[in-house]
PDB file of N, CA and C in Angstrom:
ATOM      1  N   MET A   1       0.706  -1.260  -0.313  1.00  0.00           N
ATOM      2  CA  MET A   1       0.261   0.173   0.281  1.00  0.00           C
ATOM      3  C   MET A   1       0.691   1.651   0.148  1.00  0.00           C
ATOM      4  N   SER A   2       0.132   2.403  -0.848  1.00  0.00           N
ATOM      5  CA  SER A   2       1.258   3.502  -0.723  1.00  0.00           C
ATOM      6  C   SER A   2       0.814   4.576   0.342  1.00  0.00           C
ATOM      7  N   VAL A   3       1.627   5.004   0.661  1.00  0.00           N
ATOM      8  CA  VAL A   3       1.859   6.248   1.623  1.00  0.00           C
ATOM      9  C   VAL A   3       0.689   7.210   1.299  1.00  0.00           C
ATOM     10  N   ILE A   4      -0.089   7.790   2.416  1.00  0.00           N
ATOM     11  CA  ILE A   4      -1.689   8.310   2.104  1.00  0.00           C
ATOM     12  C   ILE A   4      -1.139  10.152   2.751  1.00  0.00           C
ATOM     13  N   GLU A   5      -1.153  11.504   1.817  1.00  0.00           N
ATOM     14  CA  GLU A   5      -0.538  12.377   2.607  1.00  0.00           C
ATOM     15  C   GLU A   5      -2.120  12.738   3.438  1.00  0.00           C
ATOM     16  N   ILE A   6      -1.930  12.878   4.807  1.00  0.00           N
ATOM     17  CA  ILE A   6      -2.952  13.388   6.438  1.00  0.00           C
ATOM     18  C   ILE A   6      -3.057  14.596   6.287  1.00  0.00           C
ATOM     19  N   THR A   7      -3.935  15.268   5.865  1.00  0.00           N
ATOM     20  CA  THR A   7      -4.349  16.572   5.973  1.00  0.00           C
ATOM     21  C   THR A   7      -6.078  16.582   7.231  1.00  0.00           C
ATOM     22  N   LYS A   8      -5.961  17.849   7.718  1.00  0.00           N
ATOM     23  CA  LYS A   8      -7.449  17.667   8.380  1.00  0.00           C
ATOM     24  C   LYS A   8      -8.799  17.833   7.528  1.00  0.00           C
ATOM     25  N   ASN A   9      -8.784  17.612   6.088  1.00  0.00           N
ATOM     26  CA  ASN A   9      -9.774  17.194   5.815  1.00  0.00           C
ATOM     27  C   ASN A   9     -10.246  16.269   5.214  1.00  0.00           C
ATOM     28  N   ASN A  10      -8.587  15.006   5.022  1.00  0.00           N
ATOM     29  CA  ASN A  10      -9.152  13.457   5.553  1.00  0.00           C
ATOM     30  C   ASN A  10      -8.598  12.192   6.349  1.00  0.00           C
ATOM     31  N   PHE A  11      -8.043  13.327   7.834  1.00  0.00           N
ATOM     32  CA  PHE A  11      -7.682  12.921   8.760  1.00  0.00           C
ATOM     33  C   PHE A  11      -8.883  11.825   9.092  1.00  0.00           C
ATOM     34  N   ASP A  12     -10.018  12.203   9.717  1.00  0.00           N
ATOM     35  CA  ASP A  12     -11.280  11.315  10.175  1.00  0.00           C
ATOM     36  C   ASP A  12     -11.163  10.188   9.154  1.00  0.00           C
ATOM     37  N   GLN A  13     -11.725  10.396   7.968  1.00  0.00           N
ATOM     38  CA  GLN A  13     -11.595   9.377   7.035  1.00  0.00           C
ATOM     39  C   GLN A  13     -10.775   8.159   7.294  1.00  0.00           C
ATOM     40  N   GLU A  14      -9.570   8.836   6.878  1.00  0.00           N
ATOM     41  CA  GLU A  14      -8.039   7.913   6.579  1.00  0.00           C
ATOM     42  C   GLU A  14      -7.625   7.117   8.250  1.00  0.00           C
ATOM     43  N   VAL A  15      -7.329   8.156   8.873  1.00  0.00           N
ATOM     44  CA  VAL A  15      -6.902   7.906  10.182  1.00  0.00           C
ATOM     45  C   VAL A  15      -8.192   7.315  11.409  1.00  0.00           C
ATOM     46  N   MET A  16      -9.376   8.098  11.631  1.00  0.00           N
ATOM     47  CA  MET A  16      -9.667   7.887  12.956  1.00  0.00           C
ATOM     48  C   MET A  16     -11.215   6.432  12.932  1.00  0.00           C
ATOM     49  N   GLN A  17     -11.282   6.774  10.913  1.00  0.00           N
ATOM     50  CA  GLN A  17     -12.084   5.566  10.867  1.00  0.00           C
ATOM     51  C   GLN A  17     -11.585   4.464  10.734  1.00  0.00           C
ATOM     52  N   SER A  18     -10.492   4.038  10.242  1.00  0.00           N
ATOM     53  CA  SER A  18      -9.377   3.176   9.886  1.00  0.00           C
ATOM     54  C   SER A  18      -9.546   1.689  10.918  1.00  0.00           C
ATOM     55  N   GLU A  19     -10.038   0.391   9.531  1.00  0.00           N
ATOM     56  CA  GLU A  19      -9.965  -0.529  10.702  1.00  0.00           C
ATOM     57  C   GLU A  19      -8.828  -1.042  10.788  1.00  0.00           C
ATOM     58  N   LYS A  20      -7.542  -0.531   9.684  1.00  0.00           N
ATOM     59  CA  LYS A  20      -6.306  -0.855   9.868  1.00  0.00           C
ATOM     60  C   LYS A  20      -6.002  -0.800  10.996  1.00  0.00           C
ATOM     61  N   PRO A  21      -4.489  -0.848  11.571  1.00  0.00           N
ATOM     62  CA  PRO A  21      -3.873   0.346  12.847  1.00  0.00           C
ATOM     63  C   PRO A  21      -3.201   1.859  11.465  1.00  0.00           C
ATOM     64  N   VAL A  22      -2.545   2.539  11.911  1.00  0.00           N
ATOM     65  CA  VAL A  22      -2.317   3.948  11.133  1.00  0.00           C
ATOM     66  C   VAL A  22      -1.138   4.541  11.723  1.00  0.00           C
ATOM     67  N   LEU A  23       0.528   3.984  10.617  1.00  0.00           N
ATOM     68  CA  LEU A  23       1.053   5.102  11.586  1.00  0.00           C
ATOM     69  C   LEU A  23       1.340   5.993  10.711  1.00  0.00           C
ATOM     70  N   LEU A  24       1.475   7.492  11.768  1.00  0.00           N
ATOM     71  CA  LEU A  24       1.537   8.739  11.185  1.00  0.00           C
ATOM     72  C   LEU A  24       3.136   9.095  11.362  1.00  0.00           C
ATOM     73  N   ASP A  25       3.346   9.936   9.892  1.00  0.00           N
ATOM     74  CA  ASP A  25       4.560  10.322  10.224  1.00  0.00           C
ATOM     75  C   ASP A  25       4.427  11.385  10.143  1.00  0.00           C
ATOM     76  N   PHE A  26       4.756  12.526  11.097  1.00  0.00           N
ATOM     77  CA  PHE A  26       5.056  14.152  11.547  1.00  0.00           C
ATOM     78  C   PHE A  26       6.364  14.243  10.993  1.00  0.00           C
ATOM     79  N   TRP A  27       6.308  15.160   9.780  1.00  0.00           N
ATOM     80  CA  TRP A  27       7.688  15.700   9.129  1.00  0.00           C
ATOM     81  C   TRP A  27       7.332  16.710   8.613  1.00  0.00           C
ATOM     82  N   ALA A  28       8.654  17.500   7.957  1.00  0.00           N
ATOM     83  CA  ALA A  28       8.869  18.327   7.333  1.00  0.00           C
ATOM     84  C   ALA A  28       9.676  18.525   6.170  1.00  0.00           C
ATOM     85  N   ALA A  29       9.679  19.199   5.248  1.00  0.00           N
ATOM     86  CA  ALA A  29      11.014  18.919   4.339  1.00  0.00           C
ATOM     87  C   ALA A  29      12.166  19.918   4.610  1.00  0.00           C
ATOM     88  N   TRP A  30      12.268  20.648   5.463  1.00  0.00           N
ATOM     89  CA  TRP A  30      13.316  21.256   5.941  1.00  0.00           C
ATOM     90  C   TRP A  30      14.306  20.428   6.768  1.00  0.00           C
ATOM     91  N   CYS A  31      13.303  19.336   7.248  1.00  0.00           N
ATOM     92  CA  CYS A  31      13.816  18.621   8.656  1.00  0.00           C
ATOM     93  C   CYS A  31      14.950  17.089   8.072  1.00  0.00           C
ATOM     94  N   GLY A  32      16.109  17.270   7.770  1.00  0.00           N
ATOM     95  CA  GLY A  32      17.217  16.202   7.831  1.00  0.00           C
ATOM     96  C   GLY A  32      16.790  15.050   8.342  1.00  0.00           C
ATOM     97  N   PRO A  33      16.874  14.508   9.198  1.00  0.00           N
ATOM     98  CA  PRO A  33      16.060  13.325  10.243  1.00  0.00           C
ATOM     99  C   PRO A  33      14.959  12.865   9.350  1.00  0.00           C
ATOM    100  N   CYS A  34      14.006  14.164   9.290  1.00  0.00           N
ATOM    101  CA  CYS A  34      12.938  13.756   8.480  1.00  0.00           C
ATOM    102  C   CYS A  34      13.291  12.658   7.346  1.00  0.00           C
ATOM    103  N   LYS A  35      13.927  13.438   6.390  1.00  0.00           N
ATOM    104  CA  LYS A  35      14.459  12.640   5.592  1.00  0.00           C
ATOM    105  C   LYS A  35      15.247  11.148   5.326  1.00  0.00           C
ATOM    106  N   MET A  36      15.766  11.079   6.815  1.00  0.00           N
ATOM    107  CA  MET A  36      16.739  10.043   6.830  1.00  0.00           C
ATOM    108  C   MET A  36      15.780   8.683   6.931  1.00  0.00           C
ATOM    109  N   LEU A  37      14.243   9.265   7.981  1.00  0.00           N
ATOM    110  CA  LEU A  37      13.082   8.341   8.320  1.00  0.00           C
ATOM    111  C   LEU A  37      12.232   8.143   7.020  1.00  0.00           C
ATOM    112  N   SER A  38      11.908   8.584   6.159  1.00  0.00           N
ATOM    113  CA  SER A  38      10.981   8.782   5.333  1.00  0.00           C
ATOM    114  C   SER A  38      11.345   7.465   4.327  1.00  0.00           C
ATOM    115  N   PRO A  39      12.585   7.043   3.947  1.00  0.00           N
ATOM    116  CA  PRO A  39      12.696   5.819   2.783  1.00  0.00           C
ATOM    117  C   PRO A  39      11.939   4.734   3.746  1.00  0.00           C
ATOM    118  N   VAL A  40      12.381   4.551   4.995  1.00  0.00           N
ATOM    119  CA  VAL A  40      11.959   3.435   5.977  1.00  0.00           C
ATOM    120  C   VAL A  40      10.649   3.570   6.219  1.00  0.00           C
ATOM    121  N   VAL A  41       9.626   4.632   5.944  1.00  0.00           N
ATOM    122  CA  VAL A  41       8.459   4.998   6.431  1.00  0.00           C
ATOM    123  C   VAL A  41       7.868   4.296   5.160  1.00  0.00           C
ATOM    124  N   ASP A  42       8.328   4.325   4.237  1.00  0.00           N
ATOM    125  CA  ASP A  42       7.850   4.190   2.972  1.00  0.00           C
ATOM    126  C   ASP A  42       7.861   2.553   2.185  1.00  0.00           C
ATOM    127  N   GLU A  43       9.083   2.341   3.056  1.00  0.00           N
ATOM    128  CA  GLU A  43       9.491   0.397   2.850  1.00  0.00           C
ATOM    129  C   GLU A  43       8.388  -0.319   3.719  1.00  0.00           C
ATOM    130  N   ILE A  44       8.703   0.334   5.249  1.00  0.00           N
ATOM    131  CA  ILE A  44       7.084  -0.441   5.726  1.00  0.00           C
ATOM    132  C   ILE A  44       5.740  -0.250   5.141  1.00  0.00           C
ATOM    133  N   ALA A  45       5.445   0.723   4.454  1.00  0.00           N
ATOM    134  CA  ALA A  45       4.094   0.598   3.502  1.00  0.00           C
ATOM    135  C   ALA A  45       3.531   0.323   2.344  1.00  0.00           C
ATOM    136  N   GLY A  46       5.271  -0.395   1.797  1.00  0.00           N
ATOM    137  CA  GLY A  46       5.112  -1.160   0.489  1.00  0.00           C
ATOM    138  C   GLY A  46       5.187  -3.034   1.413  1.00  0.00           C
ATOM    139  N   GLU A  47       5.634  -2.689   2.755  1.00  0.00           N
ATOM    140  CA  GLU A  47       5.699  -4.739   2.449  1.00  0.00           C
ATOM    141  C   GLU A  47       4.629  -4.465   3.398  1.00  0.00           C
ATOM    142  N   HIS A  48       3.572  -3.927   4.213  1.00  0.00           N
ATOM    143  CA  HIS A  48       3.075  -4.637   5.000  1.00  0.00           C
ATOM    144  C   HIS A  48       1.291  -3.697   4.934  1.00  0.00           C
ATOM    145  N   PRO A  49       0.423  -4.129   4.001  1.00  0.00           N
ATOM    146  CA  PRO A  49      -0.794  -3.789   3.685  1.00  0.00           C
ATOM    147  C   PRO A  49      -1.442  -3.936   5.030  1.00  0.00           C
ATOM    148  N   GLU A  50      -1.073  -4.750   6.130  1.00  0.00           N
ATOM    149  CA  GLU A  50      -2.133  -4.882   7.165  1.00  0.00           C
ATOM    150  C   GLU A  50      -1.917  -3.166   7.819  1.00  0.00           C
ATOM    151  N   ILE A  51      -1.623  -2.800   7.420  1.00  0.00           N
ATOM    152  CA  ILE A  51      -0.811  -1.242   8.078  1.00  0.00           C
ATOM    153  C   ILE A  51      -1.361   0.124   6.816  1.00  0.00           C
ATOM    154  N   LYS A  52      -1.930   0.867   7.503  1.00  0.00           N
ATOM    155  CA  LYS A  52      -2.229   2.002   6.710  1.00  0.00           C
ATOM    156  C   LYS A  52      -1.543   3.050   6.826  1.00  0.00           C
ATOM    157  N   VAL A  53      -0.320   3.693   6.111  1.00  0.00           N
ATOM    158  CA  VAL A  53       0.696   4.668   6.487  1.00  0.00           C
ATOM    159  C   VAL A  53       0.591   6.236   5.971  1.00  0.00           C
ATOM    160  N   GLY A  54       0.449   6.943   6.819  1.00  0.00           N
ATOM    161  CA  GLY A  54       0.103   8.318   6.364  1.00  0.00           C
ATOM    162  C   GLY A  54       1.314   9.506   6.891  1.00  0.00           C
ATOM    163  N   LYS A  55       1.523  10.408   6.088  1.00  0.00           N
ATOM    164  CA  LYS A  55       2.418  11.205   6.333  1.00  0.00           C
ATOM    165  C   LYS A  55       1.800  12.340   6.424  1.00  0.00           C
ATOM    166  N   VAL A  56       2.114  13.534   7.684  1.00  0.00           N
ATOM    167  CA  VAL A  56       1.820  14.777   8.305  1.00  0.00           C
ATOM    168  C   VAL A  56       2.713  15.719   7.580  1.00  0.00           C
ATOM    169  N   ASN A  57       2.410  16.805   6.640  1.00  0.00           N
ATOM    170  CA  ASN A  57       3.489  18.070   6.611  1.00  0.00           C
ATOM    171  C   ASN A  57       2.892  18.922   8.020  1.00  0.00           C
ATOM    172  N   VAL A  58       4.076  19.260   8.667  1.00  0.00           N
ATOM    173  CA  VAL A  58       3.830  19.827   9.759  1.00  0.00           C
ATOM    174  C   VAL A  58       3.267  21.247   9.495  1.00  0.00           C
ATOM    175  N   ASP A  59       3.998  21.814   8.315  1.00  0.00           N
ATOM    176  CA  ASP A  59       4.240  23.162   7.938  1.00  0.00           C
ATOM    177  C   ASP A  59       2.723  23.233   7.169  1.00  0.00           C
ATOM    178  N   GLU A  60       2.393  22.382   6.488  1.00  0.00           N
ATOM    179  CA  GLU A  60       0.961  22.699   6.056  1.00  0.00           C
ATOM    180  C   GLU A  60      -0.335  22.335   7.133  1.00  0.00           C
ATOM    181  N   GLU A  61      -0.291  21.490   7.914  1.00  0.00           N
ATOM    182  CA  GLU A  61      -1.059  21.053   8.390  1.00  0.00           C
ATOM    183  C   GLU A  61      -0.767  21.136   9.808  1.00  0.00           C
ATOM    184  N   GLN A  62      -0.503  22.464  10.533  1.00  0.00           N
ATOM    185  CA  GLN A  62      -0.594  23.124  12.046  1.00  0.00           C
ATOM    186  C   GLN A  62      -1.450  22.495  13.280  1.00  0.00           C
ATOM    187  N   GLU A  63      -2.530  22.788  12.478  1.00  0.00           N
ATOM    188  CA  GLU A  63      -3.607  22.351  13.453  1.00  0.00           C
ATOM    189  C   GLU A  63      -3.196  20.600  14.102  1.00  0.00           C
ATOM    190  N   LEU A  64      -2.822  19.735  12.933  1.00  0.00           N
ATOM    191  CA  LEU A  64      -2.708  18.529  12.994  1.00  0.00           C
ATOM    192  C   LEU A  64      -1.906  18.468  14.158  1.00  0.00           C
ATOM    193  N   ALA A  65      -0.389  18.897  14.180  1.00  0.00           N
ATOM    194  CA  ALA A  65       0.289  18.593  15.086  1.00  0.00           C
ATOM    195  C   ALA A  65       0.149  19.241  16.051  1.00  0.00           C
ATOM    196  N   ALA A  66      -0.678  20.682  16.185  1.00  0.00           N
ATOM    197  CA  ALA A  66      -0.717  20.796  17.617  1.00  0.00           C
ATOM    198  C   ALA A  66      -1.584  19.798  17.824  1.00  0.00           C
ATOM    199  N   ARG A  67      -2.822  19.203  17.630  1.00  0.00           N
ATOM    200  CA  ARG A  67      -3.577  18.155  18.031  1.00  0.00           C
ATOM    201  C   ARG A  67      -2.808  17.336  18.870  1.00  0.00           C
ATOM    202  N   PHE A  68      -1.470  16.643  18.062  1.00  0.00           N
ATOM    203  CA  PHE A  68      -1.161  15.675  18.541  1.00  0.00           C
ATOM    204  C   PHE A  68      -0.053  16.453  19.490  1.00  0.00           C
ATOM    205  N   GLY A  69       0.101  17.063  19.741  1.00  0.00           N
ATOM    206  CA  GLY A  69       1.259  18.242  20.708  1.00  0.00           C
ATOM    207  C   GLY A  69       2.217  17.602  20.166  1.00  0.00           C
ATOM    208  N   VAL A  70       2.665  17.640  18.464  1.00  0.00           N
ATOM    209  CA  VAL A  70       3.976  17.442  18.057  1.00  0.00           C
ATOM    210  C   VAL A  70       5.049  18.672  18.274  1.00  0.00           C
ATOM    211  N   MET A  71       6.240  18.493  19.009  1.00  0.00           N
ATOM    212  CA  MET A  71       7.052  19.374  19.257  1.00  0.00           C
ATOM    213  C   MET A  71       8.376  19.449  18.490  1.00  0.00           C
ATOM    214  N   SER A  72       8.375  18.006  18.467  1.00  0.00           N
ATOM    215  CA  SER A  72      10.117  17.548  17.342  1.00  0.00           C
ATOM    216  C   SER A  72       9.345  16.468  16.543  1.00  0.00           C
ATOM    217  N   ILE A  73      10.301  17.040  15.244  1.00  0.00           N
ATOM    218  CA  ILE A  73      10.460  15.789  14.542  1.00  0.00           C
ATOM    219  C   ILE A  73      11.417  15.366  13.673  1.00  0.00           C
ATOM    220  N   PRO A  74      11.925  14.596  13.123  1.00  0.00           N
ATOM    221  CA  PRO A  74      10.530  13.309  13.242  1.00  0.00           C
ATOM    222  C   PRO A  74       9.737  12.678  14.385  1.00  0.00           C
ATOM    223  N   SER A  75       8.081  12.910  14.054  1.00  0.00           N
ATOM    224  CA  SER A  75       7.286  12.260  15.129  1.00  0.00           C
ATOM    225  C   SER A  75       5.946  11.185  14.546  1.00  0.00           C
ATOM    226  N   LEU A  76       7.176   9.804  15.055  1.00  0.00           N
ATOM    227  CA  LEU A  76       5.480   8.935  14.498  1.00  0.00           C
ATOM    228  C   LEU A  76       4.413   8.541  15.213  1.00  0.00           C
ATOM    229  N   PHE A  77       2.944   8.499  15.044  1.00  0.00           N
ATOM    230  CA  PHE A  77       2.164   7.288  16.014  1.00  0.00           C
ATOM    231  C   PHE A  77       1.525   6.606  15.498  1.00  0.00           C
ATOM    232  N   VAL A  78       1.200   5.925  16.552  1.00  0.00           N
ATOM    233  CA  VAL A  78       0.505   4.659  16.043  1.00  0.00           C
ATOM    234  C   VAL A  78      -0.906   4.565  16.210  1.00  0.00           C
ATOM    235  N   MET A  79      -2.080   4.535  15.355  1.00  0.00           N
ATOM    236  CA  MET A  79      -3.507   4.582  15.832  1.00  0.00           C
ATOM    237  C   MET A  79      -3.806   3.462  16.019  1.00  0.00           C
ATOM    238  N   LYS A  80      -4.432   3.408  16.746  1.00  0.00           N
ATOM    239  CA  LYS A  80      -5.362   1.995  16.564  1.00  0.00           C
ATOM    240  C   LYS A  80      -6.948   2.470  16.913  1.00  0.00           C
ATOM    241  N   GLN A  81      -7.842   2.295  16.124  1.00  0.00           N
ATOM    242  CA  GLN A  81      -9.296   2.395  16.601  1.00  0.00           C
ATOM    243  C   GLN A  81      -9.686   4.145  16.749  1.00  0.00           C
ATOM    244  N   GLY A  82      -8.611   4.469  16.571  1.00  0.00           N
ATOM    245  CA  GLY A  82      -8.546   6.296  16.761  1.00  0.00           C
ATOM    246  C   GLY A  82      -8.198   6.468  17.593  1.00  0.00           C
ATOM    247  N   LYS A  83      -7.418   5.776  18.376  1.00  0.00           N
ATOM    248  CA  LYS A  83      -6.555   6.483  19.990  1.00  0.00           C
ATOM    249  C   LYS A  83      -5.103   5.757  19.156  1.00  0.00           C
ATOM    250  N   VAL A  84      -4.412   7.204  19.943  1.00  0.00           N
ATOM    251  CA  VAL A  84      -2.712   6.564  19.532  1.00  0.00           C
ATOM    252  C   VAL A  84      -2.517   5.447  20.808  1.00  0.00           C
ATOM    253  N   ALA A  85      -2.062   4.251  20.299  1.00  0.00           N
ATOM    254  CA  ALA A  85      -1.677   3.464  21.035  1.00  0.00           C
ATOM    255  C   ALA A  85      -0.139   3.458  20.918  1.00  0.00           C
ATOM    256  N   ASN A  86       1.000   4.104  20.099  1.00  0.00           N
ATOM    257  CA  ASN A  86       2.021   4.306  20.752  1.00  0.00           C
ATOM    258  C   ASN A  86       2.427   5.539  20.094  1.00  0.00           C
ATOM    259  N   GLN A  87       4.090   5.746  20.032  1.00  0.00           N
ATOM    260  CA  GLN A  87       4.183   7.000  19.924  1.00  0.00           C
ATOM    261  C   GLN A  87       6.147   7.154  20.067  1.00  0.00           C
ATOM    262  N   SER A  88       6.945   7.753  18.963  1.00  0.00           N
ATOM    263  CA  SER A  88       7.907   8.155  18.747  1.00  0.00           C
ATOM    264  C   SER A  88       8.659   9.159  18.686  1.00  0.00           C
ATOM    265  N   VAL A  89       9.743   9.780  19.119  1.00  0.00           N
ATOM    266  CA  VAL A  89      10.311  10.662  18.242  1.00  0.00           C
ATOM    267  C   VAL A  89      11.837  10.385  18.010  1.00  0.00           C
ATOM    268  N   GLY A  90      11.948  11.282  16.734  1.00  0.00           N
ATOM    269  CA  GLY A  90      13.492  10.923  16.086  1.00  0.00           C
ATOM    270  C   GLY A  90      13.340   9.736  15.183  1.00  0.00           C
ATOM    271  N   VAL A  91      14.416   9.899  14.314  1.00  0.00           N
ATOM    272  CA  VAL A  91      14.643   8.713  13.665  1.00  0.00           C
ATOM    273  C   VAL A  91      14.714   7.057  14.206  1.00  0.00           C
ATOM    274  N   GLN A  92      13.646   6.493  13.887  1.00  0.00           N
ATOM    275  CA  GLN A  92      13.985   5.318  14.690  1.00  0.00           C
ATOM    276  C   GLN A  92      14.588   4.360  13.723  1.00  0.00           C
ATOM    277  N   PRO A  93      15.147   2.936  14.110  1.00  0.00           N
ATOM    278  CA  PRO A  93      15.576   1.915  13.093  1.00  0.00           C
ATOM    279  C   PRO A  93      13.782   1.383  13.246  1.00  0.00           C
ATOM    280  N   LYS A  94      13.535   0.423  11.813  1.00  0.00           N
ATOM    281  CA  LYS A  94      12.995  -0.147  11.353  1.00  0.00           C
ATOM    282  C   LYS A  94      12.542  -1.199  12.399  1.00  0.00           C
ATOM    283  N   GLN A  95      12.858  -1.811  12.946  1.00  0.00           N
ATOM    284  CA  GLN A  95      12.552  -2.731  13.548  1.00  0.00           C
ATOM    285  C   GLN A  95      11.645  -2.114  14.660  1.00  0.00           C
ATOM    286  N   ARG A  96      12.419  -1.143  15.428  1.00  0.00           N
ATOM    287  CA  ARG A  96      11.182  -0.914  16.471  1.00  0.00           C
ATOM    288  C   ARG A  96       9.775   0.017  15.919  1.00  0.00           C
ATOM    289  N   ILE A  97       9.840   0.643  14.612  1.00  0.00           N
ATOM    290  CA  ILE A  97       8.776   0.880  14.167  1.00  0.00           C
ATOM    291  C   ILE A  97       7.882  -0.124  14.610  1.00  0.00           C
ATOM    292  N   LEU A  98       7.946  -1.339  13.607  1.00  0.00           N
ATOM    293  CA  LEU A  98       7.370  -2.036  13.570  1.00  0.00           C
ATOM    294  C   LEU A  98       7.208  -3.044  14.935  1.00  0.00           C
ATOM    295  N   ASP A  99       8.029  -2.752  15.881  1.00  0.00           N
ATOM    296  CA  ASP A  99       7.565  -3.580  17.198  1.00  0.00           C
ATOM    297  C   ASP A  99       6.287  -2.067  18.206  1.00  0.00           C
ATOM    298  N   MET A 100       6.242  -1.233  16.832  1.00  0.00           N
ATOM    299  CA  MET A 100       5.579  -0.022  17.863  1.00  0.00           C
ATOM    300  C   MET A 100       4.057  -0.482  17.415  1.00  0.00           C
ATOM    301  N   LEU A 101       4.420  -1.419  16.276  1.00  0.00           N
ATOM    302  CA  LEU A 101       3.063  -1.239  15.674  1.00  0.00           C
ATOM    303  C   LEU A 101       2.347  -2.472  15.887  1.00  0.00           C
ATOM    304  N   GLY A 102       3.170  -3.905  16.552  1.00  0.00           N
ATOM    305  CA  GLY A 102       2.957  -4.955  16.965  1.00  0.00           C
ATOM    306  C   GLY A 102       1.791  -4.954  18.286  1.00  0.00           C
TER     307      GLY A 102
END
């Protein structure tokens, strides 16, 4: 499955109403660590169709970033049934992200 761009307009449908766990990646174009993490997140999206993966650009979606209390990026959130099940800040190894989803 490909990565979905999450905005305040599709957040409820894509995240809150998702039957699959959702991995949310809060990022920005100017963020070096975000660029390091992005290929890992893309890889997870391609290898795990049982997970929905979304990216939130914090510069364009400040309201969503505030809603999640994002202070540092990259920030990852695992959403299950509309609730935050897990979260991390900073670049994480792929296995750590997969463990968060488990």
